[in-house]
Amino acid sequence: MIEGYRWLLVIDKLISPRYQEITEAAEGRLMETAQLVAMFGNDAQLIDGELTAHDTDGAIVDLTIRALDSTWWDVETTMQEVLDKISLLYPDAKMLPWRSPDEC
């Protein structure tokens, strides 16, 4: 579903023995989904940070994922197929009402 996207990763806090490698690879660059998944593997945990999806042309897509601590993630999107998949994989996930940037 998100295979064709490229991601901008902003790291506020990361735990990994490869901390420097990951932060340098992510610094201001768009990464392919497969690269991002491989980079985090089993030994890296994003504690605080944000991932923003971009299409193949580099335009921002309506999908942002925020790590708020090691157990809490916010996914912001209006893409119903993404919301449906999250609900399927994480039945305890809660859908919150969408707020426009003007309301924040």
PDB file of N, CA and C in Angstrom:
ATOM      1  N   MET A   1       0.818  -1.198   0.000  1.00  0.00           N
ATOM      2  CA  MET A   1       0.000   0.000   0.000  1.00  0.00           C
ATOM      3  C   MET A   1       0.863   1.264   0.000  1.00  0.00           C
ATOM      4  N   ILE A   2       1.988   1.243   0.687  1.00  0.00           N
ATOM      5  CA  ILE A   2       2.847   2.429   0.774  1.00  0.00           C
ATOM      6  C   ILE A   2       4.180   2.212   0.078  1.00  0.00           C
ATOM      7  N   GLU A   3       4.264   1.168  -0.716  1.00  0.00           N
ATOM      8  CA  GLU A   3       5.522   0.783  -1.354  1.00  0.00           C
ATOM      9  C   GLU A   3       6.110   1.876  -2.240  1.00  0.00           C
ATOM     10  N   GLY A   4       5.291   2.604  -2.967  1.00  0.00           N
ATOM     11  CA  GLY A   4       5.803   3.593  -3.908  1.00  0.00           C
ATOM     12  C   GLY A   4       6.179   4.932  -3.295  1.00  0.00           C
ATOM     13  N   TYR A   5       5.968   5.089  -2.012  1.00  0.00           N
ATOM     14  CA  TYR A   5       6.250   6.372  -1.377  1.00  0.00           C
ATOM     15  C   TYR A   5       7.717   6.505  -1.007  1.00  0.00           C
ATOM     16  N   ARG A   6       8.130   7.746  -0.871  1.00  0.00           N
ATOM     17  CA  ARG A   6       9.427   8.067  -0.283  1.00  0.00           C
ATOM     18  C   ARG A   6       9.124   8.854   0.987  1.00  0.00           C
ATOM     19  N   TRP A   7       9.990   8.738   1.966  1.00  0.00           N
ATOM     20  CA  TRP A   7       9.699   9.271   3.287  1.00  0.00           C
ATOM     21  C   TRP A   7      10.762  10.259   3.751  1.00  0.00           C
ATOM     22  N   LEU A   8      10.284  11.331   4.362  1.00  0.00           N
ATOM     23  CA  LEU A   8      11.168  12.255   5.055  1.00  0.00           C
ATOM     24  C   LEU A   8      11.063  11.901   6.535  1.00  0.00           C
ATOM     25  N   LEU A   9      12.174  11.545   7.131  1.00  0.00           N
ATOM     26  CA  LEU A   9      12.229  11.141   8.522  1.00  0.00           C
ATOM     27  C   LEU A   9      12.886  12.235   9.346  1.00  0.00           C
ATOM     28  N   VAL A  10      12.179  12.696  10.363  1.00  0.00           N
ATOM     29  CA  VAL A  10      12.722  13.665  11.311  1.00  0.00           C
ATOM     30  C   VAL A  10      12.862  12.928  12.640  1.00  0.00           C
ATOM     31  N   ILE A  11      14.072  12.855  13.151  1.00  0.00           N
ATOM     32  CA  ILE A  11      14.341  12.114  14.377  1.00  0.00           C
ATOM     33  C   ILE A  11      14.559  13.091  15.528  1.00  0.00           C
ATOM     34  N   ASP A  12      13.723  12.972  16.550  1.00  0.00           N
ATOM     35  CA  ASP A  12      13.936  13.729  17.778  1.00  0.00           C
ATOM     36  C   ASP A  12      14.652  12.857  18.805  1.00  0.00           C
ATOM     37  N   LYS A  13      14.254  11.576  18.874  1.00  0.00           N
ATOM     38  CA  LYS A  13      14.924  10.650  19.784  1.00  0.00           C
ATOM     39  C   LYS A  13      14.881   9.250  19.174  1.00  0.00           C
ATOM     40  N   LEU A  14      16.033   8.613  19.147  1.00  0.00           N
ATOM     41  CA  LEU A  14      16.198   7.297  18.546  1.00  0.00           C
ATOM     42  C   LEU A  14      17.122   6.472  19.425  1.00  0.00           C
ATOM     43  N   ILE A  15      16.769   5.210  19.613  1.00  0.00           N
ATOM     44  CA  ILE A  15      17.642   4.291  20.336  1.00  0.00           C
ATOM     45  C   ILE A  15      18.090   3.222  19.357  1.00  0.00           C
ATOM     46  N   SER A  16      19.403   3.136  19.155  1.00  0.00           N
ATOM     47  CA  SER A  16      19.954   2.140  18.239  1.00  0.00           C
ATOM     48  C   SER A  16      21.470   2.129  18.360  1.00  0.00           C
ATOM     49  N   PRO A  17      22.076   0.940  18.236  1.00  0.00           N
ATOM     50  CA  PRO A  17      23.531   0.909  18.165  1.00  0.00           C
ATOM     51  C   PRO A  17      24.042   1.533  16.858  1.00  0.00           C
ATOM     52  N   ARG A  18      23.135   1.711  15.890  1.00  0.00           N
ATOM     53  CA  ARG A  18      23.483   2.339  14.613  1.00  0.00           C
ATOM     54  C   ARG A  18      22.952   3.768  14.535  1.00  0.00           C
ATOM     55  N   TYR A  19      22.868   4.416  15.678  1.00  0.00           N
ATOM     56  CA  TYR A  19      22.301   5.758  15.765  1.00  0.00           C
ATOM     57  C   TYR A  19      22.903   6.714  14.726  1.00  0.00           C
ATOM     58  N   GLN A  20      24.202   6.798  14.681  1.00  0.00           N
ATOM     59  CA  GLN A  20      24.852   7.749  13.768  1.00  0.00           C
ATOM     60  C   GLN A  20      24.562   7.402  12.312  1.00  0.00           C
ATOM     61  N   GLU A  21      24.640   6.134  11.970  1.00  0.00           N
ATOM     62  CA  GLU A  21      24.357   5.697  10.596  1.00  0.00           C
ATOM     63  C   GLU A  21      22.939   6.072  10.181  1.00  0.00           C
ATOM     64  N   ILE A  22      21.973   5.816  11.056  1.00  0.00           N
ATOM     65  CA  ILE A  22      20.568   6.108  10.742  1.00  0.00           C
ATOM     66  C   ILE A  22      20.328   7.604  10.651  1.00  0.00           C
ATOM     67  N   THR A  23      20.823   8.368  11.602  1.00  0.00           N
ATOM     68  CA  THR A  23      20.579   9.815  11.574  1.00  0.00           C
ATOM     69  C   THR A  23      21.240  10.474  10.371  1.00  0.00           C
ATOM     70  N   GLU A  24      22.422  10.003   9.999  1.00  0.00           N
ATOM     71  CA  GLU A  24      23.080  10.568   8.821  1.00  0.00           C
ATOM     72  C   GLU A  24      22.336  10.193   7.540  1.00  0.00           C
ATOM     73  N   ALA A  25      21.841   8.962   7.447  1.00  0.00           N
ATOM     74  CA  ALA A  25      21.099   8.529   6.256  1.00  0.00           C
ATOM     75  C   ALA A  25      19.779   9.280   6.115  1.00  0.00           C
ATOM     76  N   ALA A  26      19.176   9.636   7.239  1.00  0.00           N
ATOM     77  CA  ALA A  26      17.865  10.286   7.220  1.00  0.00           C
ATOM     78  C   ALA A  26      17.938  11.800   7.068  1.00  0.00           C
ATOM     79  N   GLU A  27      19.070  12.378   7.291  1.00  0.00           N
ATOM     80  CA  GLU A  27      19.202  13.827   7.371  1.00  0.00           C
ATOM     81  C   GLU A  27      18.789  14.540   6.083  1.00  0.00           C
ATOM     82  N   GLY A  28      17.553  15.045   6.085  1.00  0.00           N
ATOM     83  CA  GLY A  28      17.061  15.862   4.989  1.00  0.00           C
ATOM     84  C   GLY A  28      16.876  15.148   3.662  1.00  0.00           C
ATOM     85  N   ARG A  29      16.903  13.825   3.659  1.00  0.00           N
ATOM     86  CA  ARG A  29      16.765  13.062   2.412  1.00  0.00           C
ATOM     87  C   ARG A  29      15.471  12.264   2.411  1.00  0.00           C
ATOM     88  N   LEU A  30      14.899  12.104   1.232  1.00  0.00           N
ATOM     89  CA  LEU A  30      13.755  11.220   1.092  1.00  0.00           C
ATOM     90  C   LEU A  30      14.265   9.795   0.908  1.00  0.00           C
ATOM     91  N   MET A  31      13.656   8.854   1.640  1.00  0.00           N
ATOM     92  CA  MET A  31      14.065   7.452   1.578  1.00  0.00           C
ATOM     93  C   MET A  31      12.932   6.588   1.049  1.00  0.00           C
ATOM     94  N   GLU A  32      13.292   5.591   0.282  1.00  0.00           N
ATOM     95  CA  GLU A  32      12.313   4.621  -0.195  1.00  0.00           C
ATOM     96  C   GLU A  32      11.776   3.833   1.003  1.00  0.00           C
ATOM     97  N   THR A  33      10.556   3.314   0.880  1.00  0.00           N
ATOM     98  CA  THR A  33       9.947   2.540   1.958  1.00  0.00           C
ATOM     99  C   THR A  33      10.830   1.358   2.354  1.00  0.00           C
ATOM    100  N   ALA A  34      11.335   0.611   1.374  1.00  0.00           N
ATOM    101  CA  ALA A  34      12.165  -0.569   1.670  1.00  0.00           C
ATOM    102  C   ALA A  34      13.434  -0.175   2.416  1.00  0.00           C
ATOM    103  N   GLN A  35      14.037   0.957   2.057  1.00  0.00           N
ATOM    104  CA  GLN A  35      15.238   1.424   2.733  1.00  0.00           C
ATOM    105  C   GLN A  35      14.932   1.772   4.185  1.00  0.00           C
ATOM    106  N   LEU A  36      13.804   2.422   4.399  1.00  0.00           N
ATOM    107  CA  LEU A  36      13.403   2.807   5.749  1.00  0.00           C
ATOM    108  C   LEU A  36      13.157   1.575   6.621  1.00  0.00           C
ATOM    109  N   VAL A  37      12.455   0.598   6.085  1.00  0.00           N
ATOM    110  CA  VAL A  37      12.165  -0.627   6.833  1.00  0.00           C
ATOM    111  C   VAL A  37      13.463  -1.358   7.164  1.00  0.00           C
ATOM    112  N   ALA A  38      14.358  -1.476   6.206  1.00  0.00           N
ATOM    113  CA  ALA A  38      15.633  -2.159   6.429  1.00  0.00           C
ATOM    114  C   ALA A  38      16.487  -1.416   7.447  1.00  0.00           C
ATOM    115  N   MET A  39      16.450  -0.102   7.412  1.00  0.00           N
ATOM    116  CA  MET A  39      17.266   0.707   8.307  1.00  0.00           C
ATOM    117  C   MET A  39      16.860   0.495   9.765  1.00  0.00           C
ATOM    118  N   PHE A  40      15.577   0.307  10.010  1.00  0.00           N
ATOM    119  CA  PHE A  40      15.126   0.162  11.388  1.00  0.00           C
ATOM    120  C   PHE A  40      15.203  -1.276  11.884  1.00  0.00           C
ATOM    121  N   GLY A  41      15.068  -2.251  11.044  1.00  0.00           N
ATOM    122  CA  GLY A  41      15.260  -3.646  11.428  1.00  0.00           C
ATOM    123  C   GLY A  41      14.813  -3.968  12.839  1.00  0.00           C
ATOM    124  N   ASN A  42      15.623  -4.775  13.542  1.00  0.00           N
ATOM    125  CA  ASN A  42      15.279  -5.201  14.898  1.00  0.00           C
ATOM    126  C   ASN A  42      16.029  -4.447  15.985  1.00  0.00           C
ATOM    127  N   ASP A  43      16.967  -3.597  15.610  1.00  0.00           N
ATOM    128  CA  ASP A  43      17.808  -2.983  16.630  1.00  0.00           C
ATOM    129  C   ASP A  43      17.663  -1.466  16.724  1.00  0.00           C
ATOM    130  N   ALA A  44      16.618  -0.919  16.151  1.00  0.00           N
ATOM    131  CA  ALA A  44      16.418   0.532  16.210  1.00  0.00           C
ATOM    132  C   ALA A  44      14.980   0.827  16.621  1.00  0.00           C
ATOM    133  N   GLN A  45      14.843   1.819  17.481  1.00  0.00           N
ATOM    134  CA  GLN A  45      13.519   2.201  17.946  1.00  0.00           C
ATOM    135  C   GLN A  45      13.396   3.721  17.886  1.00  0.00           C
ATOM    136  N   LEU A  46      12.450   4.190  17.090  1.00  0.00           N
ATOM    137  CA  LEU A  46      12.167   5.621  17.018  1.00  0.00           C
ATOM    138  C   LEU A  46      11.261   5.967  18.196  1.00  0.00           C
ATOM    139  N   ILE A  47      11.763   6.775  19.099  1.00  0.00           N
ATOM    140  CA  ILE A  47      11.009   7.140  20.297  1.00  0.00           C
ATOM    141  C   ILE A  47      10.173   8.386  20.015  1.00  0.00           C
ATOM    142  N   ASP A  48      10.795   9.395  19.494  1.00  0.00           N
ATOM    143  CA  ASP A  48      10.106  10.624  19.100  1.00  0.00           C
ATOM    144  C   ASP A  48      10.592  11.000  17.713  1.00  0.00           C
ATOM    145  N   GLY A  49       9.655  11.246  16.820  1.00  0.00           N
ATOM    146  CA  GLY A  49      10.022  11.628  15.467  1.00  0.00           C
ATOM    147  C   GLY A  49       8.813  11.635  14.559  1.00  0.00           C
ATOM    148  N   GLU A  50       9.057  11.893  13.285  1.00  0.00           N
ATOM    149  CA  GLU A  50       7.956  12.014  12.333  1.00  0.00           C
ATOM    150  C   GLU A  50       8.390  11.528  10.959  1.00  0.00           C
ATOM    151  N   LEU A  51       7.489  10.810  10.313  1.00  0.00           N
ATOM    152  CA  LEU A  51       7.680  10.351   8.947  1.00  0.00           C
ATOM    153  C   LEU A  51       6.603  10.998   8.082  1.00  0.00           C
ATOM    154  N   THR A  52       7.003  11.622   6.999  1.00  0.00           N
ATOM    155  CA  THR A  52       6.053  12.238   6.082  1.00  0.00           C
ATOM    156  C   THR A  52       6.217  11.597   4.718  1.00  0.00           C
ATOM    157  N   ALA A  53       5.114  11.105   4.172  1.00  0.00           N
ATOM    158  CA  ALA A  53       5.142  10.425   2.881  1.00  0.00           C
ATOM    159  C   ALA A  53       5.167  11.433   1.737  1.00  0.00           C
ATOM    160  N   HIS A  54       5.928  11.069   0.683  1.00  0.00           N
ATOM    161  CA  HIS A  54       6.018  11.857  -0.544  1.00  0.00           C
ATOM    162  C   HIS A  54       5.803  10.909  -1.721  1.00  0.00           C
ATOM    163  N   ASP A  55       5.231  11.435  -2.804  1.00  0.00           N
ATOM    164  CA  ASP A  55       5.055  10.601  -3.995  1.00  0.00           C
ATOM    165  C   ASP A  55       6.351  10.555  -4.799  1.00  0.00           C
ATOM    166  N   THR A  56       6.324   9.908  -5.944  1.00  0.00           N
ATOM    167  CA  THR A  56       7.538   9.740  -6.747  1.00  0.00           C
ATOM    168  C   THR A  56       8.086  11.069  -7.257  1.00  0.00           C
ATOM    169  N   ASP A  57       7.235  12.088  -7.350  1.00  0.00           N
ATOM    170  CA  ASP A  57       7.682  13.407  -7.791  1.00  0.00           C
ATOM    171  C   ASP A  57       8.192  14.268  -6.632  1.00  0.00           C
ATOM    172  N   GLY A  58       8.101  13.751  -5.415  1.00  0.00           N
ATOM    173  CA  GLY A  58       8.564  14.492  -4.250  1.00  0.00           C
ATOM    174  C   GLY A  58       7.496  15.325  -3.574  1.00  0.00           C
ATOM    175  N   ALA A  59       6.259  15.300  -4.111  1.00  0.00           N
ATOM    176  CA  ALA A  59       5.170  16.059  -3.496  1.00  0.00           C
ATOM    177  C   ALA A  59       4.682  15.336  -2.240  1.00  0.00           C
ATOM    178  N   ILE A  60       4.311  16.085  -1.225  1.00  0.00           N
ATOM    179  CA  ILE A  60       3.817  15.503   0.027  1.00  0.00           C
ATOM    180  C   ILE A  60       2.493  14.801  -0.220  1.00  0.00           C
ATOM    181  N   VAL A  61       2.383  13.604   0.333  1.00  0.00           N
ATOM    182  CA  VAL A  61       1.166  12.799   0.265  1.00  0.00           C
ATOM    183  C   VAL A  61       0.457  12.946   1.614  1.00  0.00           C
ATOM    184  N   ASP A  62      -0.836  12.742   1.634  1.00  0.00           N
ATOM    185  CA  ASP A  62      -1.622  12.897   2.857  1.00  0.00           C
ATOM    186  C   ASP A  62      -1.410  11.708   3.799  1.00  0.00           C
ATOM    187  N   LEU A  63      -0.186  11.580   4.307  1.00  0.00           N
ATOM    188  CA  LEU A  63       0.125  10.513   5.249  1.00  0.00           C
ATOM    189  C   LEU A  63       1.330  10.924   6.090  1.00  0.00           C
ATOM    190  N   THR A  64       1.080  11.124   7.373  1.00  0.00           N
ATOM    191  CA  THR A  64       2.140  11.472   8.314  1.00  0.00           C
ATOM    192  C   THR A  64       2.033  10.529   9.499  1.00  0.00           C
ATOM    193  N   ILE A  65       3.191  10.020   9.935  1.00  0.00           N
ATOM    194  CA  ILE A  65       3.252   9.117  11.078  1.00  0.00           C
ATOM    195  C   ILE A  65       4.159   9.764  12.113  1.00  0.00           C
ATOM    196  N   ARG A  66       3.652   9.896  13.335  1.00  0.00           N
ATOM    197  CA  ARG A  66       4.427  10.505  14.411  1.00  0.00           C
ATOM    198  C   ARG A  66       4.639   9.503  15.538  1.00  0.00           C
ATOM    199  N   ALA A  67       5.868   9.352  15.954  1.00  0.00           N
ATOM    200  CA  ALA A  67       6.210   8.553  17.133  1.00  0.00           C
ATOM    201  C   ALA A  67       6.234   9.506  18.309  1.00  0.00           C
ATOM    202  N   LEU A  68       5.407   9.249  19.300  1.00  0.00           N
ATOM    203  CA  LEU A  68       5.326  10.146  20.445  1.00  0.00           C
ATOM    204  C   LEU A  68       6.049   9.598  21.655  1.00  0.00           C
ATOM    205  N   ASP A  69       6.203   8.320  21.732  1.00  0.00           N
ATOM    206  CA  ASP A  69       7.069   7.642  22.698  1.00  0.00           C
ATOM    207  C   ASP A  69       7.234   6.227  22.155  1.00  0.00           C
ATOM    208  N   SER A  70       7.804   5.371  22.902  1.00  0.00           N
ATOM    209  CA  SER A  70       8.081   4.049  22.343  1.00  0.00           C
ATOM    210  C   SER A  70       6.831   3.188  22.165  1.00  0.00           C
ATOM    211  N   THR A  71       5.683   3.644  22.660  1.00  0.00           N
ATOM    212  CA  THR A  71       4.466   2.837  22.552  1.00  0.00           C
ATOM    213  C   THR A  71       3.300   3.558  21.888  1.00  0.00           C
ATOM    214  N   TRP A  72       3.459   4.815  21.532  1.00  0.00           N
ATOM    215  CA  TRP A  72       2.327   5.599  21.018  1.00  0.00           C
ATOM    216  C   TRP A  72       2.689   6.200  19.669  1.00  0.00           C
ATOM    217  N   TRP A  73       1.856   5.925  18.671  1.00  0.00           N
ATOM    218  CA  TRP A  73       2.062   6.458  17.323  1.00  0.00           C
ATOM    219  C   TRP A  73       0.766   7.117  16.865  1.00  0.00           C
ATOM    220  N   ASP A  74       0.884   8.257  16.240  1.00  0.00           N
ATOM    221  CA  ASP A  74      -0.249   8.902  15.582  1.00  0.00           C
ATOM    222  C   ASP A  74      -0.055   8.764  14.082  1.00  0.00           C
ATOM    223  N   VAL A  75      -1.119   8.395  13.396  1.00  0.00           N
ATOM    224  CA  VAL A  75      -1.119   8.329  11.938  1.00  0.00           C
ATOM    225  C   VAL A  75      -2.163   9.322  11.473  1.00  0.00           C
ATOM    226  N   GLU A  76      -1.736  10.282  10.681  1.00  0.00           N
ATOM    227  CA  GLU A  76      -2.636  11.313  10.194  1.00  0.00           C
ATOM    228  C   GLU A  76      -2.784  11.151   8.687  1.00  0.00           C
ATOM    229  N   THR A  77      -4.011  10.864   8.265  1.00  0.00           N
ATOM    230  CA  THR A  77      -4.288  10.678   6.840  1.00  0.00           C
ATOM    231  C   THR A  77      -5.787  10.742   6.591  1.00  0.00           C
ATOM    232  N   THR A  78      -6.157  11.019   5.364  1.00  0.00           N
ATOM    233  CA  THR A  78      -7.550  10.901   4.944  1.00  0.00           C
ATOM    234  C   THR A  78      -7.715   9.723   3.984  1.00  0.00           C
ATOM    235  N   MET A  79      -6.637   8.937   3.802  1.00  0.00           N
ATOM    236  CA  MET A  79      -6.685   7.789   2.895  1.00  0.00           C
ATOM    237  C   MET A  79      -7.368   6.620   3.598  1.00  0.00           C
ATOM    238  N   GLN A  80      -8.573   6.310   3.159  1.00  0.00           N
ATOM    239  CA  GLN A  80      -9.375   5.289   3.827  1.00  0.00           C
ATOM    240  C   GLN A  80      -8.708   3.924   3.830  1.00  0.00           C
ATOM    241  N   GLU A  81      -7.997   3.568   2.749  1.00  0.00           N
ATOM    242  CA  GLU A  81      -7.358   2.247   2.712  1.00  0.00           C
ATOM    243  C   GLU A  81      -6.271   2.118   3.788  1.00  0.00           C
ATOM    244  N   VAL A  82      -5.594   3.197   4.106  1.00  0.00           N
ATOM    245  CA  VAL A  82      -4.590   3.174   5.180  1.00  0.00           C
ATOM    246  C   VAL A  82      -5.292   3.027   6.529  1.00  0.00           C
ATOM    247  N   LEU A  83      -6.342   3.779   6.736  1.00  0.00           N
ATOM    248  CA  LEU A  83      -7.094   3.689   7.988  1.00  0.00           C
ATOM    249  C   LEU A  83      -7.675   2.290   8.187  1.00  0.00           C
ATOM    250  N   ASP A  84      -8.196   1.698   7.109  1.00  0.00           N
ATOM    251  CA  ASP A  84      -8.754   0.347   7.196  1.00  0.00           C
ATOM    252  C   ASP A  84      -7.690  -0.676   7.572  1.00  0.00           C
ATOM    253  N   LYS A  85      -6.506  -0.553   6.983  1.00  0.00           N
ATOM    254  CA  LYS A  85      -5.420  -1.486   7.270  1.00  0.00           C
ATOM    255  C   LYS A  85      -4.949  -1.350   8.717  1.00  0.00           C
ATOM    256  N   ILE A  86      -4.843  -0.127   9.194  1.00  0.00           N
ATOM    257  CA  ILE A  86      -4.449   0.091  10.590  1.00  0.00           C
ATOM    258  C   ILE A  86      -5.480  -0.533  11.524  1.00  0.00           C
ATOM    259  N   SER A  87      -6.760  -0.342  11.246  1.00  0.00           N
ATOM    260  CA  SER A  87      -7.815  -0.925  12.078  1.00  0.00           C
ATOM    261  C   SER A  87      -7.762  -2.449  12.076  1.00  0.00           C
ATOM    262  N   LEU A  88      -7.401  -3.028  10.940  1.00  0.00           N
ATOM    263  CA  LEU A  88      -7.286  -4.477  10.840  1.00  0.00           C
ATOM    264  C   LEU A  88      -6.092  -4.993  11.649  1.00  0.00           C
ATOM    265  N   LEU A  89      -4.946  -4.329  11.513  1.00  0.00           N
ATOM    266  CA  LEU A  89      -3.729  -4.769  12.191  1.00  0.00           C
ATOM    267  C   LEU A  89      -3.719  -4.421  13.683  1.00  0.00           C
ATOM    268  N   TYR A  90      -4.359  -3.317  14.034  1.00  0.00           N
ATOM    269  CA  TYR A  90      -4.358  -2.840  15.419  1.00  0.00           C
ATOM    270  C   TYR A  90      -5.803  -2.561  15.844  1.00  0.00           C
ATOM    271  N   PRO A  91      -6.534  -3.599  16.254  1.00  0.00           N
ATOM    272  CA  PRO A  91      -7.951  -3.430  16.590  1.00  0.00           C
ATOM    273  C   PRO A  91      -8.211  -2.430  17.718  1.00  0.00           C
ATOM    274  N   ASP A  92      -7.221  -2.169  18.574  1.00  0.00           N
ATOM    275  CA  ASP A  92      -7.402  -1.212  19.666  1.00  0.00           C
ATOM    276  C   ASP A  92      -7.153   0.233  19.243  1.00  0.00           C
ATOM    277  N   ALA A  93      -6.745   0.437  17.998  1.00  0.00           N
ATOM    278  CA  ALA A  93      -6.480   1.800  17.513  1.00  0.00           C
ATOM    279  C   ALA A  93      -7.763   2.620  17.560  1.00  0.00           C
ATOM    280  N   LYS A  94      -7.605   3.903  17.875  1.00  0.00           N
ATOM    281  CA  LYS A  94      -8.761   4.797  17.975  1.00  0.00           C
ATOM    282  C   LYS A  94      -8.709   5.825  16.861  1.00  0.00           C
ATOM    283  N   MET A  95      -9.826   6.007  16.206  1.00  0.00           N
ATOM    284  CA  MET A  95      -9.967   7.023  15.169  1.00  0.00           C
ATOM    285  C   MET A  95     -10.366   8.325  15.853  1.00  0.00           C
ATOM    286  N   LEU A  96      -9.564   9.353  15.646  1.00  0.00           N
ATOM    287  CA  LEU A  96      -9.860  10.662  16.210  1.00  0.00           C
ATOM    288  C   LEU A  96     -10.391  11.568  15.118  1.00  0.00           C
ATOM    289  N   PRO A  97     -11.229  12.527  15.468  1.00  0.00           N
ATOM    290  CA  PRO A  97     -11.728  13.447  14.446  1.00  0.00           C
ATOM    291  C   PRO A  97     -10.587  14.239  13.833  1.00  0.00           C
ATOM    292  N   TRP A  98     -10.671  14.463  12.542  1.00  0.00           N
ATOM    293  CA  TRP A  98      -9.642  15.216  11.833  1.00  0.00           C
ATOM    294  C   TRP A  98      -9.838  16.689  12.120  1.00  0.00           C
ATOM    295  N   ARG A  99      -8.706  17.383  12.355  1.00  0.00           N
ATOM    296  CA  ARG A  99      -8.743  18.826  12.547  1.00  0.00           C
ATOM    297  C   ARG A  99      -7.910  19.478  11.471  1.00  0.00           C
ATOM    298  N   SER A 100      -8.420  20.520  10.893  1.00  0.00           N
ATOM    299  CA  SER A 100      -7.648  21.255   9.888  1.00  0.00           C
ATOM    300  C   SER A 100      -6.529  22.005  10.596  1.00  0.00           C
ATOM    301  N   PRO A 101      -5.448  22.339   9.867  1.00  0.00           N
ATOM    302  CA  PRO A 101      -4.350  23.096  10.482  1.00  0.00           C
ATOM    303  C   PRO A 101      -4.809  24.407  11.112  1.00  0.00           C
ATOM    304  N   ASP A 102      -5.912  24.982  10.602  1.00  0.00           N
ATOM    305  CA  ASP A 102      -6.431  26.235  11.161  1.00  0.00           C
ATOM    306  C   ASP A 102      -6.979  26.047  12.572  1.00  0.00           C
ATOM    307  N   GLU A 103      -7.389  24.808  12.896  1.00  0.00           N
ATOM    308  CA  GLU A 103      -7.984  24.535  14.203  1.00  0.00           C
ATOM    309  C   GLU A 103      -6.949  24.230  15.276  1.00  0.00           C
ATOM    310  N   CYS A 104      -5.721  23.942  14.862  1.00  0.00           N
ATOM    311  CA  CYS A 104      -4.688  23.551  15.839  1.00  0.00           C
ATOM    312  C   CYS A 104      -4.165  24.729  16.598  1.00  0.00           C
TER     313      CYS A 104
END
